[in-house]
Amino acid sequence: MPKLLSIAAVLLATAALTGSPALADPEPVKATADFQEAVFTPVDGVLDLEETPDGIKVTGSFQKGFASAAPTDYQLVVLDGAEVVLDFSEDFQQVAEIEAAQVTEFTFVTKTKQKIADVRNEDVVVRQLVDVAAGIKVQAEIGRAKIEKV
């Protein structure tokens, strides 16, 4: 009987060490947000999101919709209803290169403990700081897209 237990232990150890690489290294969780230009939402572009050990990696570009060339005039946030659940603004402002209403391809990683499952089916919103009167500025929504699983 002890010999059978030894053989079983060796077989289990071998199976664990030679298991499928797909089991050991799963594909990262990904999602996308596709912005479509509309009457009151001029932003057109795509954001791709991917979970990493450090947080959520965001890669994207926008073909139109950015009237100001100053990245600090923009916020990029994930909303659950009206509540901000994840704020990409600071990371976006650091990497965004805006020229002729476009934002060239960019990548950043937002350090967060949130997972893509936490924000899937929520809205990513682009807001721009605009002047409404002398010295009065407000954040106006210029783009909105739903985060969907890839």
C-alpha atoms as a PDB file:
ATOM      1  CA  MET A   1       0.000   0.000   0.000  1.00  0.00           C
ATOM      2  CA  PRO A   2       2.756   2.580   0.762  1.00  0.00           C
ATOM      3  CA  LYS A   3       4.202   1.938  -2.717  1.00  0.00           C
ATOM      4  CA  LEU A   4       0.855   2.884  -4.307  1.00  0.00           C
ATOM      5  CA  LEU A   5       0.808   6.138  -2.320  1.00  0.00           C
ATOM      6  CA  SER A   6       4.356   6.925  -3.459  1.00  0.00           C
ATOM      7  CA  ILE A   7       3.430   6.310  -7.100  1.00  0.00           C
ATOM      8  CA  ALA A   8       0.306   8.464  -6.754  1.00  0.00           C
ATOM      9  CA  ALA A   9       2.349  11.286  -5.190  1.00  0.00           C
ATOM     10  CA  VAL A  10       4.897  11.145  -8.034  1.00  0.00           C
ATOM     11  CA  LEU A  11       2.125  11.196 -10.660  1.00  0.00           C
ATOM     12  CA  LEU A  12       0.429  14.188  -9.016  1.00  0.00           C
ATOM     13  CA  ALA A  13       3.724  16.096  -8.771  1.00  0.00           C
ATOM     14  CA  THR A  14       4.514  15.350 -12.414  1.00  0.00           C
ATOM     15  CA  ALA A  15       1.082  16.493 -13.527  1.00  0.00           C
ATOM     16  CA  ALA A  16       1.435  19.718 -11.552  1.00  0.00           C
ATOM     17  CA  LEU A  17       4.870  20.482 -12.994  1.00  0.00           C
ATOM     18  CA  THR A  18       3.995  19.657 -16.594  1.00  0.00           C
ATOM     19  CA  GLY A  19       0.511  21.161 -16.645  1.00  0.00           C
ATOM     20  CA  SER A  20      -0.730  23.156 -19.592  1.00  0.00           C
ATOM     21  CA  PRO A  21       0.928  26.592 -19.939  1.00  0.00           C
ATOM     22  CA  ALA A  22      -2.523  28.043 -20.580  1.00  0.00           C
ATOM     23  CA  LEU A  23      -3.515  27.066 -17.058  1.00  0.00           C
ATOM     24  CA  ALA A  24      -0.395  28.613 -15.562  1.00  0.00           C
ATOM     25  CA  ASP A  25      -0.491  31.827 -17.569  1.00  0.00           C
ATOM     26  CA  PRO A  26      -4.088  32.957 -18.282  1.00  0.00           C
ATOM     27  CA  GLU A  27      -4.846  35.642 -20.844  1.00  0.00           C
ATOM     28  CA  PRO A  28      -5.143  39.116 -19.294  1.00  0.00           C
ATOM     29  CA  VAL A  29      -8.656  40.483 -18.877  1.00  0.00           C
ATOM     30  CA  LYS A  30      -9.410  43.093 -21.550  1.00  0.00           C
ATOM     31  CA  ALA A  31     -12.169  45.542 -22.418  1.00  0.00           C
ATOM     32  CA  THR A  32     -12.763  48.370 -24.858  1.00  0.00           C
ATOM     33  CA  ALA A  33     -14.661  51.659 -25.020  1.00  0.00           C
ATOM     34  CA  ASP A  34     -15.589  52.913 -28.493  1.00  0.00           C
ATOM     35  CA  PHE A  35     -16.401  56.642 -28.665  1.00  0.00           C
ATOM     36  CA  GLN A  36     -18.700  57.667 -31.517  1.00  0.00           C
ATOM     37  CA  GLU A  37     -19.044  61.278 -32.625  1.00  0.00           C
ATOM     38  CA  ALA A  38     -22.582  62.625 -32.157  1.00  0.00           C
ATOM     39  CA  VAL A  39     -24.354  65.995 -32.057  1.00  0.00           C
ATOM     40  CA  PHE A  40     -23.288  67.062 -28.551  1.00  0.00           C
ATOM     41  CA  THR A  41     -20.394  64.623 -28.154  1.00  0.00           C
ATOM     42  CA  PRO A  42     -17.665  65.441 -30.687  1.00  0.00           C
ATOM     43  CA  VAL A  43     -15.116  62.890 -29.399  1.00  0.00           C
ATOM     44  CA  ASP A  44     -14.372  59.999 -31.759  1.00  0.00           C
ATOM     45  CA  GLY A  45     -11.874  57.297 -30.786  1.00  0.00           C
ATOM     46  CA  VAL A  46     -11.208  54.073 -28.905  1.00  0.00           C
ATOM     47  CA  LEU A  47      -9.781  53.114 -25.518  1.00  0.00           C
ATOM     48  CA  ASP A  48      -8.510  49.584 -24.862  1.00  0.00           C
ATOM     49  CA  LEU A  49      -8.203  48.473 -21.240  1.00  0.00           C
ATOM     50  CA  GLU A  50      -6.160  45.556 -19.910  1.00  0.00           C
ATOM     51  CA  GLU A  51      -5.578  44.291 -16.389  1.00  0.00           C
ATOM     52  CA  THR A  52      -1.942  44.197 -15.279  1.00  0.00           C
ATOM     53  CA  PRO A  53      -0.339  43.390 -11.926  1.00  0.00           C
ATOM     54  CA  ASP A  54       0.129  47.154 -11.394  1.00  0.00           C
ATOM     55  CA  GLY A  55      -3.389  48.271 -12.305  1.00  0.00           C
ATOM     56  CA  ILE A  56      -5.328  48.950 -15.496  1.00  0.00           C
ATOM     57  CA  LYS A  57      -3.355  49.645 -18.662  1.00  0.00           C
ATOM     58  CA  VAL A  58      -5.131  52.031 -21.037  1.00  0.00           C
ATOM     59  CA  THR A  59      -4.160  52.391 -24.690  1.00  0.00           C
ATOM     60  CA  GLY A  60      -6.046  54.667 -27.027  1.00  0.00           C
ATOM     61  CA  SER A  61      -6.282  57.471 -29.511  1.00  0.00           C
ATOM     62  CA  PHE A  62      -8.894  60.013 -30.547  1.00  0.00           C
ATOM     63  CA  GLN A  63      -9.417  61.177 -34.131  1.00  0.00           C
ATOM     64  CA  LYS A  64     -11.444  64.286 -33.257  1.00  0.00           C
ATOM     65  CA  GLY A  65     -13.255  66.251 -30.608  1.00  0.00           C
ATOM     66  CA  PHE A  66     -10.474  67.996 -28.667  1.00  0.00           C
ATOM     67  CA  ALA A  67     -10.794  71.779 -29.116  1.00  0.00           C
ATOM     68  CA  SER A  68      -8.046  72.740 -26.653  1.00  0.00           C
ATOM     69  CA  ALA A  69      -4.437  71.670 -27.108  1.00  0.00           C
ATOM     70  CA  ALA A  70      -3.853  71.707 -23.322  1.00  0.00           C
ATOM     71  CA  PRO A  71      -4.147  68.184 -21.820  1.00  0.00           C
ATOM     72  CA  THR A  72      -4.923  69.721 -18.401  1.00  0.00           C
ATOM     73  CA  ASP A  73      -8.232  70.975 -19.829  1.00  0.00           C
ATOM     74  CA  TYR A  74      -9.516  67.376 -19.933  1.00  0.00           C
ATOM     75  CA  GLN A  75     -10.747  64.720 -17.544  1.00  0.00           C
ATOM     76  CA  LEU A  76     -11.083  61.025 -18.378  1.00  0.00           C
ATOM     77  CA  VAL A  77     -13.250  59.261 -15.789  1.00  0.00           C
ATOM     78  CA  VAL A  78     -15.300  56.091 -15.343  1.00  0.00           C
ATOM     79  CA  LEU A  79     -18.793  56.765 -14.029  1.00  0.00           C
ATOM     80  CA  ASP A  80     -21.326  54.547 -12.309  1.00  0.00           C
ATOM     81  CA  GLY A  81     -24.374  56.715 -12.820  1.00  0.00           C
ATOM     82  CA  ALA A  82     -23.068  60.121 -11.705  1.00  0.00           C
ATOM     83  CA  GLU A  83     -20.414  58.755  -9.318  1.00  0.00           C
ATOM     84  CA  VAL A  84     -16.752  58.671 -10.388  1.00  0.00           C
ATOM     85  CA  VAL A  85     -15.513  55.124  -9.721  1.00  0.00           C
ATOM     86  CA  LEU A  86     -12.141  55.408 -11.481  1.00  0.00           C
ATOM     87  CA  ASP A  87     -10.270  58.544 -12.526  1.00  0.00           C
ATOM     88  CA  PHE A  88      -7.790  58.294 -15.419  1.00  0.00           C
ATOM     89  CA  SER A  89      -7.422  62.103 -15.711  1.00  0.00           C
ATOM     90  CA  GLU A  90      -3.972  62.622 -14.204  1.00  0.00           C
ATOM     91  CA  ASP A  91      -2.406  59.735 -16.135  1.00  0.00           C
ATOM     92  CA  PHE A  92      -4.115  60.855 -19.363  1.00  0.00           C
ATOM     93  CA  GLN A  93      -2.955  64.463 -18.915  1.00  0.00           C
ATOM     94  CA  GLN A  94       0.653  63.306 -18.527  1.00  0.00           C
ATOM     95  CA  VAL A  95       0.750  61.375 -21.826  1.00  0.00           C
ATOM     96  CA  ALA A  96      -1.808  63.111 -24.084  1.00  0.00           C
ATOM     97  CA  GLU A  97      -0.432  64.886 -27.149  1.00  0.00           C
ATOM     98  CA  ILE A  98      -3.219  66.953 -28.687  1.00  0.00           C
ATOM     99  CA  GLU A  99      -2.913  68.489 -32.134  1.00  0.00           C
ATOM    100  CA  ALA A 100      -5.619  69.608 -34.554  1.00  0.00           C
ATOM    101  CA  ALA A 101      -8.426  68.182 -32.374  1.00  0.00           C
ATOM    102  CA  GLN A 102      -6.742  64.737 -32.314  1.00  0.00           C
ATOM    103  CA  VAL A 103      -4.977  62.854 -29.538  1.00  0.00           C
ATOM    104  CA  THR A 104      -2.192  60.664 -30.890  1.00  0.00           C
ATOM    105  CA  GLU A 105      -1.903  57.090 -29.636  1.00  0.00           C
ATOM    106  CA  PHE A 106      -1.087  56.925 -25.940  1.00  0.00           C
ATOM    107  CA  THR A 107      -0.587  54.343 -23.205  1.00  0.00           C
ATOM    108  CA  PHE A 108      -0.581  54.597 -19.433  1.00  0.00           C
ATOM    109  CA  VAL A 109      -1.171  52.362 -16.423  1.00  0.00           C
ATOM    110  CA  THR A 110      -3.437  53.631 -13.674  1.00  0.00           C
ATOM    111  CA  LYS A 111      -2.427  52.148 -10.352  1.00  0.00           C
ATOM    112  CA  THR A 112      -5.620  50.773  -8.862  1.00  0.00           C
ATOM    113  CA  LYS A 113      -6.895  47.720  -7.066  1.00  0.00           C
ATOM    114  CA  GLN A 114     -10.041  47.817  -9.201  1.00  0.00           C
ATOM    115  CA  LYS A 115     -10.437  45.153 -11.857  1.00  0.00           C
ATOM    116  CA  ILE A 116     -12.003  45.458 -15.296  1.00  0.00           C
ATOM    117  CA  ALA A 117     -14.940  43.420 -14.000  1.00  0.00           C
ATOM    118  CA  ASP A 118     -15.576  46.296 -11.545  1.00  0.00           C
ATOM    119  CA  VAL A 119     -15.953  48.851 -14.355  1.00  0.00           C
ATOM    120  CA  ARG A 120     -17.372  46.736 -17.197  1.00  0.00           C
ATOM    121  CA  ASN A 121     -20.688  48.128 -18.475  1.00  0.00           C
ATOM    122  CA  GLU A 122     -19.896  51.492 -16.877  1.00  0.00           C
ATOM    123  CA  ASP A 123     -19.322  54.655 -18.937  1.00  0.00           C
ATOM    124  CA  VAL A 124     -15.969  56.263 -19.696  1.00  0.00           C
ATOM    125  CA  VAL A 125     -16.511  60.003 -20.004  1.00  0.00           C
ATOM    126  CA  VAL A 126     -14.288  62.700 -21.512  1.00  0.00           C
ATOM    127  CA  ARG A 127     -14.846  66.148 -20.032  1.00  0.00           C
ATOM    128  CA  GLN A 128     -13.365  69.445 -21.173  1.00  0.00           C
ATOM    129  CA  LEU A 129     -12.850  72.576 -19.099  1.00  0.00           C
ATOM    130  CA  VAL A 130     -14.666  75.369 -20.962  1.00  0.00           C
ATOM    131  CA  ASP A 131     -15.318  79.078 -20.356  1.00  0.00           C
ATOM    132  CA  VAL A 132     -19.000  79.853 -19.891  1.00  0.00           C
ATOM    133  CA  ALA A 133     -18.554  83.464 -18.788  1.00  0.00           C
ATOM    134  CA  ALA A 134     -15.770  85.859 -17.859  1.00  0.00           C
ATOM    135  CA  GLY A 135     -13.620  83.898 -15.420  1.00  0.00           C
ATOM    136  CA  ILE A 136     -16.141  81.066 -14.985  1.00  0.00           C
ATOM    137  CA  LYS A 137     -15.097  77.631 -16.203  1.00  0.00           C
ATOM    138  CA  VAL A 138     -16.994  74.348 -16.052  1.00  0.00           C
ATOM    139  CA  GLN A 139     -16.358  70.761 -17.092  1.00  0.00           C
ATOM    140  CA  ALA A 140     -18.493  69.901 -20.122  1.00  0.00           C
ATOM    141  CA  GLU A 141     -18.969  66.308 -21.251  1.00  0.00           C
ATOM    142  CA  ILE A 142     -17.659  65.905 -24.802  1.00  0.00           C
ATOM    143  CA  GLY A 143     -17.589  62.109 -25.110  1.00  0.00           C
ATOM    144  CA  ARG A 144     -19.100  58.979 -23.541  1.00  0.00           C
ATOM    145  CA  ALA A 145     -18.617  55.286 -24.249  1.00  0.00           C
ATOM    146  CA  LYS A 146     -19.605  52.053 -22.515  1.00  0.00           C
ATOM    147  CA  ILE A 147     -16.815  49.717 -21.339  1.00  0.00           C
ATOM    148  CA  GLU A 148     -17.381  46.339 -22.968  1.00  0.00           C
ATOM    149  CA  LYS A 149     -15.582  43.017 -22.618  1.00  0.00           C
ATOM    150  CA  VAL A 150     -13.366  42.086 -25.573  1.00  0.00           C
END
